[in-house]
Structures are given as C-alpha cells and as structure tokens.
C-alpha cells in the first residue's frame, strides 16, 4: 500500500489528547508503556490509522 508523503495537520492538540489518554489509563489501573503511547500518538497525528495500529498489535502478540 503506497503512503502519501503529504504533511497532514492533526485536527486535535495531540499532546493534550495523549496526556488525557495516558491519565485515563492510569486512573483505570493501566500504565501504558512508551510503545503504546507512541502508537496512540501516531494515530492522533495522522501518521497511522487504527487498522495499522491493530495490525502492529496483532504482529506483536501473534501466536506461533
């Protein structure tokens, strides 16, 4: 799949949204690692889609 090299401006304040995601996870008793936060950042800023992020998780945790 070809990826565009065009720069996309995020529709949200990525740092603020990422901070809220991290805090919500902490309040729920989860402590996301750097890899998970980077994956969320890439979705928020448009460098990755949710489907691509799920594919990364599938590859990371694939059985076999």
PDB file of N, CA and C in Angstrom:
ATOM      1  N   UNK A   1       0.853  -1.174   0.000  1.00  0.00           N
ATOM      2  CA  UNK A   1       0.000   0.000   0.000  1.00  0.00           C
ATOM      3  C   UNK A   1       0.895   1.232   0.000  1.00  0.00           C
ATOM      4  N   UNK A   2       0.701   2.116  -0.952  1.00  0.00           N
ATOM      5  CA  UNK A   2       1.500   3.334  -1.048  1.00  0.00           C
ATOM      6  C   UNK A   2       1.024   4.364  -0.034  1.00  0.00           C
ATOM      7  N   UNK A   3       1.966   5.028   0.575  1.00  0.00           N
ATOM      8  CA  UNK A   3       1.639   6.063   1.565  1.00  0.00           C
ATOM      9  C   UNK A   3       1.943   7.419   0.964  1.00  0.00           C
ATOM     10  N   UNK A   4       1.104   8.353   1.234  1.00  0.00           N
ATOM     11  CA  UNK A   4       1.305   9.723   0.775  1.00  0.00           C
ATOM     12  C   UNK A   4       2.402  10.371   1.609  1.00  0.00           C
ATOM     13  N   UNK A   5       3.168  11.238   0.981  1.00  0.00           N
ATOM     14  CA  UNK A   5       4.202  11.967   1.713  1.00  0.00           C
ATOM     15  C   UNK A   5       3.713  13.348   2.124  1.00  0.00           C
ATOM     16  N   UNK A   6       2.456  13.648   1.854  1.00  0.00           N
ATOM     17  CA  UNK A   6       1.892  14.946   2.227  1.00  0.00           C
ATOM     18  C   UNK A   6       1.825  15.071   3.740  1.00  0.00           C
ATOM     19  N   UNK A   7       2.120  16.255   4.232  1.00  0.00           N
ATOM     20  CA  UNK A   7       2.034  16.517   5.662  1.00  0.00           C
ATOM     21  C   UNK A   7       0.585  16.787   6.025  1.00  0.00           C
ATOM     22  N   UNK A   8       0.115  16.106   7.044  1.00  0.00           N
ATOM     23  CA  UNK A   8      -1.262  16.268   7.497  1.00  0.00           C
ATOM     24  C   UNK A   8      -1.246  16.970   8.838  1.00  0.00           C
ATOM     25  N   UNK A   9      -2.007  18.039   8.950  1.00  0.00           N
ATOM     26  CA  UNK A   9      -2.123  18.740  10.219  1.00  0.00           C
ATOM     27  C   UNK A   9      -3.170  18.024  11.074  1.00  0.00           C
ATOM     28  N   UNK A  10      -2.824  17.621  12.277  1.00  0.00           N
ATOM     29  CA  UNK A  10      -3.793  16.974  13.153  1.00  0.00           C
ATOM     30  C   UNK A  10      -4.960  17.909  13.469  1.00  0.00           C
ATOM     31  N   UNK A  11      -6.136  17.330  13.590  1.00  0.00           N
ATOM     32  CA  UNK A  11      -7.337  18.113  13.897  1.00  0.00           C
ATOM     33  C   UNK A  11      -7.463  18.359  15.401  1.00  0.00           C
ATOM     34  N   UNK A  12      -6.566  17.774  16.184  1.00  0.00           N
ATOM     35  CA  UNK A  12      -6.617  17.906  17.641  1.00  0.00           C
ATOM     36  C   UNK A  12      -5.260  18.333  18.173  1.00  0.00           C
ATOM     37  N   UNK A  13      -5.238  18.780  19.421  1.00  0.00           N
ATOM     38  CA  UNK A  13      -3.977  19.069  20.105  1.00  0.00           C
ATOM     39  C   UNK A  13      -3.431  17.720  20.571  1.00  0.00           C
ATOM     40  N   UNK A  14      -2.502  17.184  19.823  1.00  0.00           N
ATOM     41  CA  UNK A  14      -2.012  15.826  20.046  1.00  0.00           C
ATOM     42  C   UNK A  14      -1.469  15.643  21.457  1.00  0.00           C
ATOM     43  N   UNK A  15      -0.640  16.569  21.924  1.00  0.00           N
ATOM     44  CA  UNK A  15      -0.051  16.420  23.257  1.00  0.00           C
ATOM     45  C   UNK A  15      -1.116  16.411  24.349  1.00  0.00           C
ATOM     46  N   UNK A  16      -2.100  17.270  24.224  1.00  0.00           N
ATOM     47  CA  UNK A  16      -3.175  17.335  25.206  1.00  0.00           C
ATOM     48  C   UNK A  16      -4.012  16.052  25.202  1.00  0.00           C
ATOM     49  N   UNK A  17      -4.370  15.599  24.004  1.00  0.00           N
ATOM     50  CA  UNK A  17      -5.171  14.376  23.885  1.00  0.00           C
ATOM     51  C   UNK A  17      -4.400  13.169  24.404  1.00  0.00           C
ATOM     52  N   UNK A  18      -3.113  13.098  24.073  1.00  0.00           N
ATOM     53  CA  UNK A  18      -2.288  11.981  24.530  1.00  0.00           C
ATOM     54  C   UNK A  18      -2.174  11.984  26.048  1.00  0.00           C
ATOM     55  N   UNK A  19      -2.051  13.165  26.623  1.00  0.00           N
ATOM     56  CA  UNK A  19      -1.978  13.301  28.072  1.00  0.00           C
ATOM     57  C   UNK A  19      -3.267  12.797  28.731  1.00  0.00           C
ATOM     58  N   UNK A  20      -4.409  13.150  28.130  1.00  0.00           N
ATOM     59  CA  UNK A  20      -5.697  12.682  28.676  1.00  0.00           C
ATOM     60  C   UNK A  20      -5.836  11.163  28.555  1.00  0.00           C
ATOM     61  N   UNK A  21      -5.392  10.611  27.443  1.00  0.00           N
ATOM     62  CA  UNK A  21      -5.441   9.156  27.254  1.00  0.00           C
ATOM     63  C   UNK A  21      -4.593   8.475  28.320  1.00  0.00           C
ATOM     64  N   UNK A  22      -3.373   8.973  28.507  1.00  0.00           N
ATOM     65  CA  UNK A  22      -2.466   8.371  29.488  1.00  0.00           C
ATOM     66  C   UNK A  22      -3.053   8.458  30.904  1.00  0.00           C
ATOM     67  N   UNK A  23      -3.594   9.607  31.277  1.00  0.00           N
ATOM     68  CA  UNK A  23      -4.158   9.782  32.613  1.00  0.00           C
ATOM     69  C   UNK A  23      -5.370   8.879  32.817  1.00  0.00           C
ATOM     70  N   UNK A  24      -6.230   8.785  31.810  1.00  0.00           N
ATOM     71  CA  UNK A  24      -7.405   7.916  31.917  1.00  0.00           C
ATOM     72  C   UNK A  24      -6.985   6.460  32.105  1.00  0.00           C
ATOM     73  N   UNK A  25      -5.953   6.038  31.384  1.00  0.00           N
ATOM     74  CA  UNK A  25      -5.460   4.676  31.539  1.00  0.00           C
ATOM     75  C   UNK A  25      -4.900   4.459  32.946  1.00  0.00           C
ATOM     76  N   UNK A  26      -4.160   5.438  33.454  1.00  0.00           N
ATOM     77  CA  UNK A  26      -3.608   5.327  34.801  1.00  0.00           C
ATOM     78  C   UNK A  26      -4.713   5.242  35.845  1.00  0.00           C
ATOM     79  N   UNK A  27      -5.746   6.049  35.691  1.00  0.00           N
ATOM     80  CA  UNK A  27      -6.860   6.023  36.643  1.00  0.00           C
ATOM     81  C   UNK A  27      -7.597   4.696  36.610  1.00  0.00           C
ATOM     82  N   UNK A  28      -7.546   4.021  35.466  1.00  0.00           N
ATOM     83  CA  UNK A  28      -8.177   2.705  35.338  1.00  0.00           C
ATOM     84  C   UNK A  28      -7.238   1.586  35.797  1.00  0.00           C
ATOM     85  N   UNK A  29      -6.043   1.959  36.267  1.00  0.00           N
ATOM     86  CA  UNK A  29      -5.103   0.964  36.770  1.00  0.00           C
ATOM     87  C   UNK A  29      -4.171   0.402  35.709  1.00  0.00           C
ATOM     88  N   UNK A  30      -4.124   1.049  34.557  1.00  0.00           N
ATOM     89  CA  UNK A  30      -3.242   0.612  33.473  1.00  0.00           C
ATOM     90  C   UNK A  30      -2.125   1.632  33.323  1.00  0.00           C
ATOM     91  N   UNK A  31      -0.977   1.166  32.970  1.00  0.00           N
ATOM     92  CA  UNK A  31       0.165   2.056  32.832  1.00  0.00           C
ATOM     93  C   UNK A  31       0.812   1.816  31.475  1.00  0.00           C
ATOM     94  N   UNK A  32       0.329   2.551  30.460  1.00  0.00           N
ATOM     95  CA  UNK A  32       0.822   2.332  29.100  1.00  0.00           C
ATOM     96  C   UNK A  32       2.320   2.615  28.992  1.00  0.00           C
ATOM     97  N   UNK A  33       3.003   1.748  28.228  1.00  0.00           N
ATOM     98  CA  UNK A  33       4.435   1.940  28.040  1.00  0.00           C
ATOM     99  C   UNK A  33       4.684   2.905  26.880  1.00  0.00           C
ATOM    100  N   UNK A  34       5.938   3.208  26.649  1.00  0.00           N
ATOM    101  CA  UNK A  34       6.322   4.153  25.607  1.00  0.00           C
ATOM    102  C   UNK A  34       5.837   3.698  24.235  1.00  0.00           C
ATOM    103  N   UNK A  35       5.901   2.419  23.975  1.00  0.00           N
ATOM    104  CA  UNK A  35       5.466   1.881  22.679  1.00  0.00           C
ATOM    105  C   UNK A  35       3.970   2.123  22.457  1.00  0.00           C
ATOM    106  N   UNK A  36       3.162   1.884  23.477  1.00  0.00           N
ATOM    107  CA  UNK A  36       1.717   2.086  23.361  1.00  0.00           C
ATOM    108  C   UNK A  36       1.386   3.565  23.181  1.00  0.00           C
ATOM    109  N   UNK A  37       2.080   4.422  23.916  1.00  0.00           N
ATOM    110  CA  UNK A  37       1.837   5.853  23.784  1.00  0.00           C
ATOM    111  C   UNK A  37       2.283   6.368  22.412  1.00  0.00           C
ATOM    112  N   UNK A  38       3.366   5.821  21.882  1.00  0.00           N
ATOM    113  CA  UNK A  38       3.807   6.201  20.547  1.00  0.00           C
ATOM    114  C   UNK A  38       2.772   5.778  19.508  1.00  0.00           C
ATOM    115  N   UNK A  39       2.203   4.587  19.676  1.00  0.00           N
ATOM    116  CA  UNK A  39       1.174   4.109  18.751  1.00  0.00           C
ATOM    117  C   UNK A  39      -0.043   5.041  18.796  1.00  0.00           C
ATOM    118  N   UNK A  40      -0.446   5.454  19.985  1.00  0.00           N
ATOM    119  CA  UNK A  40      -1.576   6.384  20.131  1.00  0.00           C
ATOM    120  C   UNK A  40      -1.238   7.733  19.507  1.00  0.00           C
ATOM    121  N   UNK A  41      -0.016   8.216  19.700  1.00  0.00           N
ATOM    122  CA  UNK A  41       0.411   9.494  19.124  1.00  0.00           C
ATOM    123  C   UNK A  41       0.331   9.441  17.596  1.00  0.00           C
ATOM    124  N   UNK A  42       0.790   8.337  17.004  1.00  0.00           N
ATOM    125  CA  UNK A  42       0.766   8.225  15.547  1.00  0.00           C
ATOM    126  C   UNK A  42      -0.660   8.205  15.001  1.00  0.00           C
ATOM    127  N   UNK A  43      -1.591   7.649  15.745  1.00  0.00           N
ATOM    128  CA  UNK A  43      -2.992   7.684  15.324  1.00  0.00           C
ATOM    129  C   UNK A  43      -3.527   9.108  15.432  1.00  0.00           C
ATOM    130  N   UNK A  44      -3.248   9.764  16.545  1.00  0.00           N
ATOM    131  CA  UNK A  44      -3.748  11.120  16.753  1.00  0.00           C
ATOM    132  C   UNK A  44      -3.195  12.119  15.738  1.00  0.00           C
ATOM    133  N   UNK A  45      -1.924  11.968  15.374  1.00  0.00           N
ATOM    134  CA  UNK A  45      -1.348  12.959  14.456  1.00  0.00           C
ATOM    135  C   UNK A  45      -1.494  12.570  12.985  1.00  0.00           C
ATOM    136  N   UNK A  46      -2.133  11.436  12.732  1.00  0.00           N
ATOM    137  CA  UNK A  46      -2.440  11.058  11.364  1.00  0.00           C
ATOM    138  C   UNK A  46      -1.365  10.271  10.643  1.00  0.00           C
ATOM    139  N   UNK A  47      -0.274   9.916  11.327  1.00  0.00           N
ATOM    140  CA  UNK A  47       0.777   9.131  10.677  1.00  0.00           C
ATOM    141  C   UNK A  47       0.401   7.669  10.557  1.00  0.00           C
ATOM    142  N   UNK A  48      -0.626   7.245  11.291  1.00  0.00           N
ATOM    143  CA  UNK A  48      -1.050   5.845  11.291  1.00  0.00           C
ATOM    144  C   UNK A  48      -2.568   5.793  11.417  1.00  0.00           C
ATOM    145  N   UNK A  49      -3.147   4.716  10.923  1.00  0.00           N
ATOM    146  CA  UNK A  49      -4.580   4.515  11.091  1.00  0.00           C
ATOM    147  C   UNK A  49      -4.810   3.527  12.228  1.00  0.00           C
ATOM    148  N   UNK A  50      -6.026   3.466  12.702  1.00  0.00           N
ATOM    149  CA  UNK A  50      -6.356   2.496  13.750  1.00  0.00           C
ATOM    150  C   UNK A  50      -6.107   1.077  13.235  1.00  0.00           C
ATOM    151  N   UNK A  51      -6.431   0.829  11.965  1.00  0.00           N
ATOM    152  CA  UNK A  51      -6.217  -0.509  11.386  1.00  0.00           C
ATOM    153  C   UNK A  51      -4.734  -0.875  11.391  1.00  0.00           C
ATOM    154  N   UNK A  52      -3.878   0.092  11.073  1.00  0.00           N
ATOM    155  CA  UNK A  52      -2.435  -0.158  11.095  1.00  0.00           C
ATOM    156  C   UNK A  52      -1.955  -0.433  12.518  1.00  0.00           C
ATOM    157  N   UNK A  53      -2.491   0.290  13.478  1.00  0.00           N
ATOM    158  CA  UNK A  53      -2.117   0.075  14.878  1.00  0.00           C
ATOM    159  C   UNK A  53      -2.550  -1.316  15.345  1.00  0.00           C
ATOM    160  N   UNK A  54      -3.759  -1.722  14.961  1.00  0.00           N
ATOM    161  CA  UNK A  54      -4.214  -3.073  15.315  1.00  0.00           C
ATOM    162  C   UNK A  54      -3.325  -4.130  14.655  1.00  0.00           C
ATOM    163  N   UNK A  55      -2.899  -3.881  13.430  1.00  0.00           N
ATOM    164  CA  UNK A  55      -2.008  -4.821  12.746  1.00  0.00           C
ATOM    165  C   UNK A  55      -0.677  -4.938  13.493  1.00  0.00           C
ATOM    166  N   UNK A  56      -0.168  -3.823  14.014  1.00  0.00           N
ATOM    167  CA  UNK A  56       1.060  -3.867  14.818  1.00  0.00           C
ATOM    168  C   UNK A  56       0.857  -4.739  16.052  1.00  0.00           C
ATOM    169  N   UNK A  57      -0.273  -4.559  16.719  1.00  0.00           N
ATOM    170  CA  UNK A  57      -0.556  -5.360  17.914  1.00  0.00           C
ATOM    171  C   UNK A  57      -0.709  -6.827  17.568  1.00  0.00           C
ATOM    172  N   UNK A  58      -1.396  -7.099  16.456  1.00  0.00           N
ATOM    173  CA  UNK A  58      -1.556  -8.493  16.011  1.00  0.00           C
ATOM    174  C   UNK A  58      -0.190  -9.136  15.765  1.00  0.00           C
ATOM    175  N   UNK A  59       0.702  -8.408  15.095  1.00  0.00           N
ATOM    176  CA  UNK A  59       2.027  -8.922  14.807  1.00  0.00           C
ATOM    177  C   UNK A  59       2.836  -9.109  16.093  1.00  0.00           C
ATOM    178  N   UNK A  60       2.680  -8.175  17.024  1.00  0.00           N
ATOM    179  CA  UNK A  60       3.426  -8.250  18.284  1.00  0.00           C
ATOM    180  C   UNK A  60       3.000  -9.444  19.120  1.00  0.00           C
ATOM    181  N   UNK A  61       1.705  -9.692  19.174  1.00  0.00           N
ATOM    182  CA  UNK A  61       1.187 -10.736  20.044  1.00  0.00           C
ATOM    183  C   UNK A  61       0.729 -11.991  19.294  1.00  0.00           C
ATOM    184  N   UNK A  62       1.167 -12.160  18.050  1.00  0.00           N
ATOM    185  CA  UNK A  62       0.775 -13.325  17.248  1.00  0.00           C
ATOM    186  C   UNK A  62       1.233 -14.608  17.929  1.00  0.00           C
ATOM    187  N   UNK A  63       0.350 -15.572  17.917  1.00  0.00           N
ATOM    188  CA  UNK A  63       0.698 -16.880  18.467  1.00  0.00           C
ATOM    189  C   UNK A  63       1.395 -17.683  17.378  1.00  0.00           C
ATOM    190  N   UNK A  64       2.408 -18.420  17.777  1.00  0.00           N
ATOM    191  CA  UNK A  64       3.024 -19.277  16.778  1.00  0.00           C
ATOM    192  C   UNK A  64       4.439 -19.186  16.752  1.00  0.00           C
TER     193      UNK A  64
END
